[in-house]
């Protein structure tokens, strides 16, 4: 299932994006459980795009261009 999703995604950076999305879900879950925050898709999206921005700072040029174009065209 994951391999099929990776093939359908079409970008080399599938693993990085999946890992960042999972991490943002995990940290948002922790805010909900431990800090009493409410569920917020907007807060998760902000965290996700912020983390992608941090990855862009250290990414190889080829991966940087791919991630940057993907995040610019991303709509939720």
C-alpha atoms as a PDB file:
ATOM      1  CA  UNK A   1       0.000   0.000   0.000  1.00  0.00           C
ATOM      2  CA  UNK A   2       2.791   2.439   0.873  1.00  0.00           C
ATOM      3  CA  UNK A   3       4.793   1.423  -2.185  1.00  0.00           C
ATOM      4  CA  UNK A   4       1.780   2.016  -4.399  1.00  0.00           C
ATOM      5  CA  UNK A   5       1.201   5.440  -2.821  1.00  0.00           C
ATOM      6  CA  UNK A   6       4.865   6.280  -3.381  1.00  0.00           C
ATOM      7  CA  UNK A   7       4.633   5.334  -7.053  1.00  0.00           C
ATOM      8  CA  UNK A   8       1.417   7.311  -7.543  1.00  0.00           C
ATOM      9  CA  UNK A   9       2.853  10.357  -5.764  1.00  0.00           C
ATOM     10  CA  UNK A  10       5.432  10.797  -8.491  1.00  0.00           C
ATOM     11  CA  UNK A  11       8.033  12.764  -6.526  1.00  0.00           C
ATOM     12  CA  UNK A  12      11.323  11.626  -5.050  1.00  0.00           C
ATOM     13  CA  UNK A  13      10.504  13.343  -1.744  1.00  0.00           C
ATOM     14  CA  UNK A  14       7.576  11.091  -0.774  1.00  0.00           C
ATOM     15  CA  UNK A  15       9.361   9.751   2.310  1.00  0.00           C
ATOM     16  CA  UNK A  16      10.234  13.203   3.638  1.00  0.00           C
ATOM     17  CA  UNK A  17       6.696  14.473   3.152  1.00  0.00           C
ATOM     18  CA  UNK A  18       5.138  11.394   4.776  1.00  0.00           C
ATOM     19  CA  UNK A  19       7.512  11.645   7.733  1.00  0.00           C
ATOM     20  CA  UNK A  20       6.866  15.363   8.241  1.00  0.00           C
ATOM     21  CA  UNK A  21       3.093  14.891   7.971  1.00  0.00           C
ATOM     22  CA  UNK A  22       3.232  12.080  10.544  1.00  0.00           C
ATOM     23  CA  UNK A  23       5.393  14.149  12.886  1.00  0.00           C
ATOM     24  CA  UNK A  24       3.016  17.116  12.665  1.00  0.00           C
ATOM     25  CA  UNK A  25       0.031  14.859  13.387  1.00  0.00           C
ATOM     26  CA  UNK A  26       1.899  13.409  16.382  1.00  0.00           C
ATOM     27  CA  UNK A  27       2.830  16.805  17.845  1.00  0.00           C
ATOM     28  CA  UNK A  28      -0.679  18.158  17.262  1.00  0.00           C
ATOM     29  CA  UNK A  29      -2.080  15.101  19.037  1.00  0.00           C
ATOM     30  CA  UNK A  30       0.238  15.801  21.980  1.00  0.00           C
ATOM     31  CA  UNK A  31      -1.020  19.398  22.189  1.00  0.00           C
ATOM     32  CA  UNK A  32      -4.584  18.094  22.280  1.00  0.00           C
ATOM     33  CA  UNK A  33      -3.921  15.470  24.947  1.00  0.00           C
ATOM     34  CA  UNK A  34      -1.441  17.235  27.224  1.00  0.00           C
ATOM     35  CA  UNK A  35      -2.246  20.925  26.760  1.00  0.00           C
ATOM     36  CA  UNK A  36      -5.998  20.676  26.276  1.00  0.00           C
ATOM     37  CA  UNK A  37      -5.876  22.223  22.802  1.00  0.00           C
ATOM     38  CA  UNK A  38      -8.701  21.669  20.369  1.00  0.00           C
ATOM     39  CA  UNK A  39      -8.477  19.778  17.092  1.00  0.00           C
ATOM     40  CA  UNK A  40      -7.519  22.216  14.369  1.00  0.00           C
ATOM     41  CA  UNK A  41      -6.696  21.391  10.770  1.00  0.00           C
ATOM     42  CA  UNK A  42      -5.443  24.949  10.295  1.00  0.00           C
ATOM     43  CA  UNK A  43      -2.932  24.541  13.140  1.00  0.00           C
ATOM     44  CA  UNK A  44      -1.733  21.258  11.622  1.00  0.00           C
ATOM     45  CA  UNK A  45      -1.392  22.845   8.155  1.00  0.00           C
ATOM     46  CA  UNK A  46       0.619  25.724   9.602  1.00  0.00           C
ATOM     47  CA  UNK A  47       2.906  23.298  11.414  1.00  0.00           C
ATOM     48  CA  UNK A  48       3.274  21.132   8.299  1.00  0.00           C
ATOM     49  CA  UNK A  49       4.181  23.988   5.965  1.00  0.00           C
ATOM     50  CA  UNK A  50       6.567  25.391   8.583  1.00  0.00           C
ATOM     51  CA  UNK A  51       8.369  22.066   8.885  1.00  0.00           C
ATOM     52  CA  UNK A  52       8.570  21.734   5.096  1.00  0.00           C
ATOM     53  CA  UNK A  53      10.126  25.199   5.065  1.00  0.00           C
ATOM     54  CA  UNK A  54      12.786  24.041   7.528  1.00  0.00           C
ATOM     55  CA  UNK A  55      13.532  20.995   5.381  1.00  0.00           C
ATOM     56  CA  UNK A  56      13.900  23.276   2.354  1.00  0.00           C
ATOM     57  CA  UNK A  57      16.725  25.100   4.126  1.00  0.00           C
ATOM     58  CA  UNK A  58      18.896  21.982   4.224  1.00  0.00           C
ATOM     59  CA  UNK A  59      17.692  20.098   1.145  1.00  0.00           C
ATOM     60  CA  UNK A  60      19.778  19.325  -1.923  1.00  0.00           C
ATOM     61  CA  UNK A  61      19.021  21.695  -4.822  1.00  0.00           C
ATOM     62  CA  UNK A  62      17.137  19.056  -6.822  1.00  0.00           C
ATOM     63  CA  UNK A  63      15.000  18.063  -3.846  1.00  0.00           C
ATOM     64  CA  UNK A  64      14.578  21.705  -2.827  1.00  0.00           C
ATOM     65  CA  UNK A  65      13.064  22.631  -6.186  1.00  0.00           C
ATOM     66  CA  UNK A  66      10.759  19.610  -6.110  1.00  0.00           C
ATOM     67  CA  UNK A  67       9.534  20.275  -2.558  1.00  0.00           C
ATOM     68  CA  UNK A  68       9.173  23.998  -3.136  1.00  0.00           C
ATOM     69  CA  UNK A  69       7.060  23.536  -6.251  1.00  0.00           C
ATOM     70  CA  UNK A  70       4.955  20.895  -4.477  1.00  0.00           C
ATOM     71  CA  UNK A  71       4.292  23.036  -1.399  1.00  0.00           C
ATOM     72  CA  UNK A  72       3.454  26.094  -3.559  1.00  0.00           C
ATOM     73  CA  UNK A  73       0.838  24.088  -5.464  1.00  0.00           C
ATOM     74  CA  UNK A  74      -0.554  22.403  -2.359  1.00  0.00           C
ATOM     75  CA  UNK A  75      -4.188  23.111  -1.551  1.00  0.00           C
ATOM     76  CA  UNK A  76      -6.026  21.712   1.427  1.00  0.00           C
END
